[in-house]
């Protein structure tokens, strides 16, 4: 009985870590306009806003540390703690 209880406690703690997975991005938007890109993370779709002409950060919440962003230049894969640059609606990883 004690082993079963310990197993449930360990699984509960691990599920908490998985649920907290997200992608933190530091970005510099060189464009003079805001961008709203479609994002896929852990099978879910959402949108993310990037403000114009500034350096800032954004966190994409989901169940993964990897996300795909659809830009004017196609899809790009971003991982947690990425640093990116946005120019002409396209993303480059720095």
N, C-alpha and C. Protein backbone atom coordinates (compact mmCIF):
# COMPACT_ATOMS: atom_id res chain seq x y z
N UNK A 1 0.82 -1.19 0.00
CA UNK A 1 0.00 0.00 0.00
C UNK A 1 0.87 1.25 0.00
N UNK A 2 1.93 1.21 0.78
CA UNK A 2 2.82 2.38 0.88
C UNK A 2 3.51 2.66 -0.46
N UNK A 3 3.91 1.59 -1.18
CA UNK A 3 4.55 1.76 -2.48
C UNK A 3 3.59 2.40 -3.48
N UNK A 4 2.35 1.99 -3.44
CA UNK A 4 1.34 2.55 -4.34
C UNK A 4 1.13 4.03 -4.05
N UNK A 5 1.08 4.38 -2.78
CA UNK A 5 0.91 5.78 -2.39
C UNK A 5 2.10 6.61 -2.86
N UNK A 6 3.31 6.10 -2.67
CA UNK A 6 4.51 6.81 -3.11
C UNK A 6 4.53 6.99 -4.63
N UNK A 7 4.08 5.97 -5.36
CA UNK A 7 4.02 6.04 -6.81
C UNK A 7 3.06 7.14 -7.26
N UNK A 8 1.90 7.22 -6.62
CA UNK A 8 0.93 8.27 -6.97
C UNK A 8 1.48 9.66 -6.67
N UNK A 9 2.19 9.81 -5.59
CA UNK A 9 2.78 11.11 -5.24
C UNK A 9 3.82 11.50 -6.30
N UNK A 10 4.65 10.58 -6.70
CA UNK A 10 5.66 10.87 -7.72
C UNK A 10 5.01 11.23 -9.05
N UNK A 11 4.00 10.48 -9.46
CA UNK A 11 3.29 10.78 -10.71
C UNK A 11 2.60 12.13 -10.65
N UNK A 12 2.04 12.49 -9.51
CA UNK A 12 1.39 13.79 -9.35
C UNK A 12 2.40 14.92 -9.49
N UNK A 13 3.56 14.77 -8.89
CA UNK A 13 4.60 15.80 -8.98
C UNK A 13 5.09 15.93 -10.42
N UNK A 14 5.33 14.82 -11.10
CA UNK A 14 5.79 14.86 -12.49
C UNK A 14 4.74 15.48 -13.41
N UNK A 15 3.48 15.19 -13.19
CA UNK A 15 2.45 15.79 -14.03
C UNK A 15 2.40 17.30 -13.84
N UNK A 16 2.73 17.79 -12.67
CA UNK A 16 2.80 19.23 -12.44
C UNK A 16 3.90 19.88 -13.25
N UNK A 17 5.04 19.22 -13.40
CA UNK A 17 6.12 19.75 -14.22
C UNK A 17 5.75 19.77 -15.69
N UNK A 18 5.09 18.73 -16.16
CA UNK A 18 4.69 18.66 -17.56
C UNK A 18 3.66 19.75 -17.86
N UNK A 19 2.73 19.97 -16.96
CA UNK A 19 1.68 20.97 -17.19
C UNK A 19 2.26 22.38 -17.23
N UNK A 20 3.41 22.60 -16.64
CA UNK A 20 4.01 23.93 -16.59
C UNK A 20 4.90 24.23 -17.79
N UNK A 21 5.04 23.31 -18.71
CA UNK A 21 5.91 23.51 -19.86
C UNK A 21 5.38 24.65 -20.72
N UNK A 22 6.29 25.53 -21.14
CA UNK A 22 5.94 26.65 -22.00
C UNK A 22 7.17 27.09 -22.77
N UNK A 23 6.99 28.05 -23.65
CA UNK A 23 8.11 28.55 -24.46
C UNK A 23 8.26 30.04 -24.19
N UNK A 24 9.40 30.40 -23.65
CA UNK A 24 9.73 31.80 -23.37
C UNK A 24 10.61 32.30 -24.51
N UNK A 25 10.22 33.43 -25.12
CA UNK A 25 10.95 33.98 -26.26
C UNK A 25 11.33 35.43 -25.96
N UNK A 26 12.57 35.75 -26.20
CA UNK A 26 13.04 37.15 -26.16
C UNK A 26 13.12 37.59 -27.61
N UNK A 27 12.48 38.72 -27.95
CA UNK A 27 12.43 39.12 -29.36
C UNK A 27 12.79 40.58 -29.56
N UNK A 28 13.25 40.89 -30.78
CA UNK A 28 13.46 42.25 -31.25
C UNK A 28 12.69 42.38 -32.55
N UNK A 29 11.67 43.22 -32.57
CA UNK A 29 10.87 43.44 -33.76
C UNK A 29 11.39 44.69 -34.47
N UNK A 30 12.07 44.52 -35.58
CA UNK A 30 12.61 45.63 -36.34
C UNK A 30 11.55 46.34 -37.17
N UNK A 31 10.41 45.70 -37.37
CA UNK A 31 9.34 46.28 -38.19
C UNK A 31 8.61 47.37 -37.41
N UNK A 32 8.07 48.32 -38.16
CA UNK A 32 7.32 49.41 -37.53
C UNK A 32 5.84 49.07 -37.37
N UNK A 33 5.51 47.79 -37.45
CA UNK A 33 4.13 47.36 -37.22
C UNK A 33 4.10 46.15 -36.31
N UNK A 34 2.98 46.02 -35.60
CA UNK A 34 2.77 44.85 -34.74
C UNK A 34 2.53 43.63 -35.62
N UNK A 35 2.92 42.48 -35.11
CA UNK A 35 2.67 41.23 -35.81
C UNK A 35 1.88 40.30 -34.90
N UNK A 36 0.91 39.60 -35.47
CA UNK A 36 0.19 38.55 -34.79
C UNK A 36 0.39 37.29 -35.61
N UNK A 37 1.09 36.31 -35.00
CA UNK A 37 1.42 35.08 -35.70
C UNK A 37 0.63 33.91 -35.10
N UNK A 38 0.28 32.96 -35.95
CA UNK A 38 -0.34 31.72 -35.51
C UNK A 38 0.75 30.84 -34.92
N UNK A 39 0.44 30.17 -33.81
CA UNK A 39 1.41 29.31 -33.12
C UNK A 39 0.77 27.96 -32.85
N UNK A 40 1.55 26.90 -33.04
CA UNK A 40 1.13 25.56 -32.66
C UNK A 40 2.07 25.08 -31.56
N UNK A 41 1.48 24.67 -30.43
CA UNK A 41 2.25 24.15 -29.31
C UNK A 41 1.49 22.98 -28.69
N UNK A 42 2.15 21.85 -28.61
CA UNK A 42 1.58 20.63 -28.01
C UNK A 42 0.21 20.30 -28.60
N UNK A 43 0.07 20.45 -29.91
CA UNK A 43 -1.16 20.09 -30.58
C UNK A 43 -2.25 21.14 -30.55
N UNK A 44 -2.02 22.24 -29.86
CA UNK A 44 -3.00 23.32 -29.79
C UNK A 44 -2.58 24.49 -30.66
N UNK A 45 -3.55 25.22 -31.18
CA UNK A 45 -3.27 26.41 -31.97
C UNK A 45 -3.69 27.65 -31.20
N UNK A 46 -2.89 28.70 -31.30
CA UNK A 46 -3.21 29.97 -30.67
C UNK A 46 -2.50 31.07 -31.44
N UNK A 47 -2.67 32.30 -31.04
CA UNK A 47 -1.97 33.41 -31.68
C UNK A 47 -1.11 34.12 -30.65
N UNK A 48 -0.03 34.72 -31.14
CA UNK A 48 0.88 35.48 -30.28
C UNK A 48 1.14 36.83 -30.93
N UNK A 49 1.10 37.88 -30.11
CA UNK A 49 1.34 39.24 -30.59
C UNK A 49 2.77 39.68 -30.28
N UNK A 50 3.38 40.32 -31.27
CA UNK A 50 4.71 40.90 -31.11
C UNK A 50 4.59 42.39 -31.41
N UNK A 51 4.88 43.23 -30.43
CA UNK A 51 4.76 44.67 -30.59
C UNK A 51 5.83 45.24 -31.51
N UNK A 52 5.50 46.34 -32.16
CA UNK A 52 6.38 46.93 -33.18
C UNK A 52 7.58 47.65 -32.56
N UNK A 53 8.67 47.66 -33.32
CA UNK A 53 9.86 48.46 -33.04
C UNK A 53 10.33 48.40 -31.60
N UNK A 54 10.48 47.20 -31.08
CA UNK A 54 10.94 47.09 -29.70
C UNK A 54 11.56 45.73 -29.40
N UNK A 55 12.28 45.71 -28.31
CA UNK A 55 12.80 44.47 -27.74
C UNK A 55 11.92 44.15 -26.54
N UNK A 56 11.46 42.92 -26.50
CA UNK A 56 10.58 42.51 -25.41
C UNK A 56 10.63 40.99 -25.30
N UNK A 57 9.71 40.44 -24.53
CA UNK A 57 9.62 38.99 -24.41
C UNK A 57 8.17 38.57 -24.39
N UNK A 58 7.96 37.30 -24.71
CA UNK A 58 6.62 36.72 -24.71
C UNK A 58 6.74 35.26 -24.26
N UNK A 59 5.74 34.80 -23.54
CA UNK A 59 5.68 33.41 -23.13
C UNK A 59 4.48 32.75 -23.79
N UNK A 60 4.74 31.66 -24.48
CA UNK A 60 3.67 30.89 -25.12
C UNK A 60 3.38 29.71 -24.19
N UNK A 61 2.21 29.72 -23.58
CA UNK A 61 1.87 28.67 -22.64
C UNK A 61 1.27 27.48 -23.37
N UNK A 62 1.68 26.32 -22.94
CA UNK A 62 1.20 25.08 -23.55
C UNK A 62 1.82 23.91 -22.82
N UNK A 63 1.84 22.78 -23.45
CA UNK A 63 2.36 21.58 -22.81
C UNK A 63 3.68 21.13 -23.39
N UNK A 64 4.48 22.07 -23.91
CA UNK A 64 5.72 21.71 -24.56
C UNK A 64 6.74 22.82 -24.41
N UNK A 65 8.00 22.49 -24.63
CA UNK A 65 9.05 23.50 -24.64
C UNK A 65 9.49 23.79 -26.06
N UNK A 66 8.64 23.42 -27.02
CA UNK A 66 8.89 23.68 -28.44
C UNK A 66 7.58 24.14 -29.06
N UNK A 67 7.66 25.16 -29.91
CA UNK A 67 6.47 25.68 -30.59
C UNK A 67 6.82 25.98 -32.04
N UNK A 68 5.81 25.96 -32.90
CA UNK A 68 5.97 26.31 -34.30
C UNK A 68 5.19 27.59 -34.56
N UNK A 69 5.85 28.57 -35.20
CA UNK A 69 5.24 29.86 -35.48
C UNK A 69 5.13 30.02 -36.99
N UNK A 70 3.93 30.41 -37.45
CA UNK A 70 3.70 30.64 -38.87
C UNK A 70 3.94 32.12 -39.17
N UNK A 71 4.97 32.40 -39.98
CA UNK A 71 5.31 33.77 -40.34
C UNK A 71 5.00 33.99 -41.83
N UNK A 72 5.29 35.19 -42.31
CA UNK A 72 5.13 35.48 -43.74
C UNK A 72 6.07 34.63 -44.59
N UNK A 73 7.13 34.13 -43.97
CA UNK A 73 8.13 33.33 -44.70
C UNK A 73 8.00 31.83 -44.44
N UNK A 74 6.92 31.41 -43.80
CA UNK A 74 6.71 29.99 -43.53
C UNK A 74 6.79 29.68 -42.04
N UNK A 75 6.75 28.40 -41.74
CA UNK A 75 6.77 27.93 -40.35
C UNK A 75 8.21 27.89 -39.83
N UNK A 76 8.38 28.26 -38.56
CA UNK A 76 9.69 28.18 -37.90
C UNK A 76 9.49 27.55 -36.53
N UNK A 77 10.42 26.69 -36.13
CA UNK A 77 10.34 26.01 -34.84
C UNK A 77 11.18 26.78 -33.83
N UNK A 78 10.56 27.09 -32.70
CA UNK A 78 11.19 27.83 -31.62
C UNK A 78 11.21 26.95 -30.38
N UNK A 79 12.30 26.99 -29.64
CA UNK A 79 12.38 26.26 -28.38
C UNK A 79 12.40 27.25 -27.22
N UNK A 80 12.22 26.74 -26.01
CA UNK A 80 12.24 27.58 -24.82
C UNK A 80 13.54 28.37 -24.72
N UNK A 81 13.44 29.62 -24.29
CA UNK A 81 14.56 30.55 -24.11
C UNK A 81 15.23 30.96 -25.42
N UNK A 82 14.47 30.94 -26.50
CA UNK A 82 15.01 31.39 -27.80
C UNK A 82 15.08 32.91 -27.84
N UNK A 83 16.04 33.40 -28.62
CA UNK A 83 16.14 34.82 -28.92
C UNK A 83 15.94 34.95 -30.43
N UNK A 84 14.96 35.78 -30.81
CA UNK A 84 14.62 35.90 -32.22
C UNK A 84 14.61 37.36 -32.65
N UNK A 85 14.67 37.54 -33.96
CA UNK A 85 14.57 38.86 -34.56
C UNK A 85 13.47 38.80 -35.63
N UNK A 86 12.62 39.81 -35.65
CA UNK A 86 11.54 39.88 -36.64
C UNK A 86 11.84 41.03 -37.58
N UNK A 87 11.88 40.72 -38.87
CA UNK A 87 12.11 41.75 -39.89
C UNK A 87 11.32 41.37 -41.13
N UNK A 88 10.57 42.32 -41.66
CA UNK A 88 9.73 42.10 -42.83
C UNK A 88 8.77 40.93 -42.66
N UNK A 89 8.29 40.73 -41.43
CA UNK A 89 7.34 39.66 -41.15
C UNK A 89 7.94 38.29 -41.04
N UNK A 90 9.27 38.20 -41.08
CA UNK A 90 9.97 36.91 -40.98
C UNK A 90 10.75 36.83 -39.67
N UNK A 91 10.92 35.64 -39.17
CA UNK A 91 11.64 35.42 -37.91
C UNK A 91 12.96 34.74 -38.20
N UNK A 92 14.03 35.26 -37.58
CA UNK A 92 15.32 34.56 -37.58
C UNK A 92 15.72 34.33 -36.13
N UNK A 93 16.31 33.17 -35.89
CA UNK A 93 16.75 32.82 -34.54
C UNK A 93 18.17 33.34 -34.36
N UNK A 94 18.40 34.00 -33.26
CA UNK A 94 19.73 34.56 -32.97
C UNK A 94 20.49 33.69 -32.00
